[in-house]
Amino acid sequence: MFMSPRSDDKSIADEELLWRRICDVPQWIKKLEDGEIKPSSAAFLDNFTNEVSVNVASLTTQEKVMEKYPDMGLVSIKAGMPRSIGHIIAATPEIEDTSHRVICPPPDIKGSKRKSLARRMAEESKWILYPKTHRN
């Protein structure tokens, strides 16, 4: 599938919260030594398009973002964080949800460097809702 290059959505301020759904699978969840969990780098990587799907928190509700995905978790990250490591936050006009955006890495970033940047985003993310198997 050919897509024209994406551009940074300047209407999204760096302080804006972006929400990312987290799959309830071991590859997406890292268990820390103290028993807590965090999203893994896999949660911020996409090996098909390189784009990571997110929602702009101020343009939607948690209920709407999660309604078709009740078992998934949800984290937030400030839009400025991916930008600070060279990514852009791009609008997705082909998707009907007006809150939807994608985090896109620089086109020249590959392999272990891309994974390292994904790990930094995962580390900065904050839980809003744990995945179903991790809820109390």
Protein backbone atom coordinates (compact mmCIF):
# COMPACT_ATOMS: atom_id res chain seq x y z
CA MET A 1 0.00 0.00 0.00
CA PHE A 2 1.48 3.34 -1.02
CA MET A 3 1.00 6.27 1.31
CA SER A 4 2.19 9.79 0.83
CA PRO A 5 4.60 11.02 3.49
CA ARG A 6 2.94 12.15 6.70
CA SER A 7 3.49 15.58 8.24
CA ASP A 8 3.44 16.67 11.87
CA ASP A 9 0.02 17.82 13.07
CA LYS A 10 0.90 21.22 14.53
CA SER A 11 -2.59 21.52 16.07
CA ILE A 12 -1.52 18.95 18.66
CA ALA A 13 0.45 20.71 21.40
CA ASP A 14 3.42 18.97 23.01
CA GLU A 15 1.54 18.91 26.35
CA GLU A 16 -1.45 17.11 24.78
CA LEU A 17 -2.00 13.56 26.02
CA LEU A 18 -2.08 10.77 23.49
CA TRP A 19 -3.72 7.47 24.42
CA ARG A 20 -2.37 4.13 23.19
CA ARG A 21 -4.28 0.88 23.61
CA ILE A 22 -2.08 -1.93 24.95
CA CYS A 23 -2.78 -5.51 23.84
CA ASP A 24 -3.16 -8.03 26.66
CA VAL A 25 -0.34 -10.23 25.37
CA PRO A 26 3.05 -11.03 26.96
CA GLN A 27 5.01 -9.43 24.09
CA TRP A 28 3.44 -6.03 24.86
CA ILE A 29 3.82 -6.12 28.65
CA LYS A 30 7.07 -6.02 30.61
CA LYS A 31 7.04 -7.22 34.20
CA LEU A 32 9.39 -5.23 36.44
CA GLU A 33 11.40 -6.67 39.36
CA ASP A 34 8.99 -5.10 41.89
CA GLY A 35 6.03 -6.87 40.27
CA GLU A 36 4.69 -3.79 38.49
CA ILE A 37 4.09 -3.90 34.75
CA LYS A 38 4.92 -1.45 31.97
CA PRO A 39 4.26 -1.56 28.24
CA SER A 40 7.20 -3.12 26.38
CA SER A 41 8.87 -1.57 23.34
CA ALA A 42 6.66 -3.83 21.17
CA ALA A 43 3.66 -1.72 22.20
CA PHE A 44 5.22 1.27 20.42
CA LEU A 45 6.45 -0.54 17.29
CA ASP A 46 4.59 -1.50 14.15
CA ASN A 47 6.51 -3.65 11.70
CA PHE A 48 3.99 -3.23 8.88
CA THR A 49 3.49 0.53 8.53
CA ASN A 50 5.95 1.83 11.19
CA GLU A 51 3.04 3.99 12.41
CA VAL A 52 1.74 3.64 15.97
CA SER A 53 -1.97 4.31 16.35
CA VAL A 54 -3.01 6.72 19.14
CA ASN A 55 -5.96 8.90 20.11
CA VAL A 56 -5.83 12.53 21.22
CA ALA A 57 -7.27 12.44 24.74
CA SER A 58 -8.99 15.84 24.59
CA LEU A 59 -10.87 14.84 21.41
CA THR A 60 -12.45 11.62 22.70
CA THR A 61 -13.38 9.65 25.81
CA GLN A 62 -11.86 6.59 27.42
CA GLU A 63 -15.15 4.76 26.91
CA LYS A 64 -15.14 5.42 23.17
CA VAL A 65 -11.50 4.41 22.71
CA MET A 66 -12.00 1.18 24.66
CA GLU A 67 -15.54 0.21 23.63
CA LYS A 68 -14.53 -2.41 21.04
CA TYR A 69 -11.43 -3.48 23.00
CA PRO A 70 -12.57 -4.27 26.58
CA ASP A 71 -9.63 -6.58 27.37
CA MET A 72 -6.90 -4.15 26.30
CA GLY A 73 -5.08 -1.71 28.52
CA LEU A 74 -4.69 2.02 27.95
CA VAL A 75 -1.68 4.28 28.52
CA SER A 76 -1.05 7.98 28.02
CA ILE A 77 2.01 9.77 26.72
CA LYS A 78 2.55 13.46 26.08
CA ALA A 79 2.79 14.34 22.37
CA GLY A 80 6.08 16.15 23.00
CA MET A 81 7.82 12.95 24.07
CA PRO A 82 7.85 11.19 20.66
CA ARG A 83 8.61 14.53 19.02
CA SER A 84 11.63 14.96 21.32
CA ILE A 85 13.14 11.80 19.80
CA GLY A 86 12.48 12.77 16.18
CA HIS A 87 9.01 11.30 15.62
CA ILE A 88 5.97 13.17 14.31
CA ILE A 89 2.31 13.04 15.33
CA ALA A 90 0.38 12.82 12.07
CA ALA A 91 -3.30 13.28 11.29
CA THR A 92 -5.06 10.32 9.70
CA PRO A 93 -7.76 11.76 7.45
CA GLU A 94 -8.43 8.31 5.99
CA ILE A 95 -9.77 7.18 9.39
CA GLU A 96 -13.20 8.50 10.42
CA ASP A 97 -12.31 8.93 14.13
CA THR A 98 -11.34 12.61 14.48
CA SER A 99 -9.28 11.86 17.61
CA HIS A 100 -7.07 9.33 15.80
CA ARG A 101 -3.43 10.12 14.99
CA VAL A 102 -0.30 8.09 14.31
CA ILE A 103 3.16 8.40 15.81
CA CYS A 104 5.64 8.07 12.93
CA PRO A 105 9.38 7.50 13.36
CA PRO A 106 11.92 9.26 11.17
CA PRO A 107 12.14 7.39 7.84
CA ASP A 108 15.87 6.72 8.22
CA ILE A 109 15.56 4.98 11.63
CA LYS A 110 15.77 1.18 11.38
CA GLY A 111 16.23 -1.94 13.50
CA SER A 112 17.71 -1.66 16.97
CA LYS A 113 17.64 2.16 16.94
CA ARG A 114 13.89 2.11 16.22
CA LYS A 115 13.37 -0.42 19.02
CA SER A 116 15.42 1.73 21.40
CA LEU A 117 13.24 4.77 20.62
CA ALA A 118 10.08 2.66 21.09
CA ARG A 119 11.41 1.56 24.49
CA ARG A 120 11.82 5.20 25.52
CA MET A 121 8.19 5.93 24.62
CA ALA A 122 7.04 2.83 26.53
CA GLU A 123 9.04 3.90 29.58
CA GLU A 124 7.46 7.38 29.51
CA SER A 125 3.90 6.07 29.20
CA LYS A 126 1.51 6.05 32.17
CA TRP A 127 -1.23 3.51 32.82
CA ILE A 128 -4.83 4.69 32.64
CA LEU A 129 -6.30 1.17 32.52
CA TYR A 130 -4.41 -2.09 32.96
CA PRO A 131 -5.01 -4.93 30.49
CA LYS A 132 -7.72 -7.33 31.68
CA THR A 133 -5.40 -10.06 33.01
CA HIS A 134 -3.59 -7.44 35.16
CA ARG A 135 -6.63 -5.72 36.68
CA ASN A 136 -7.41 -6.26 40.37
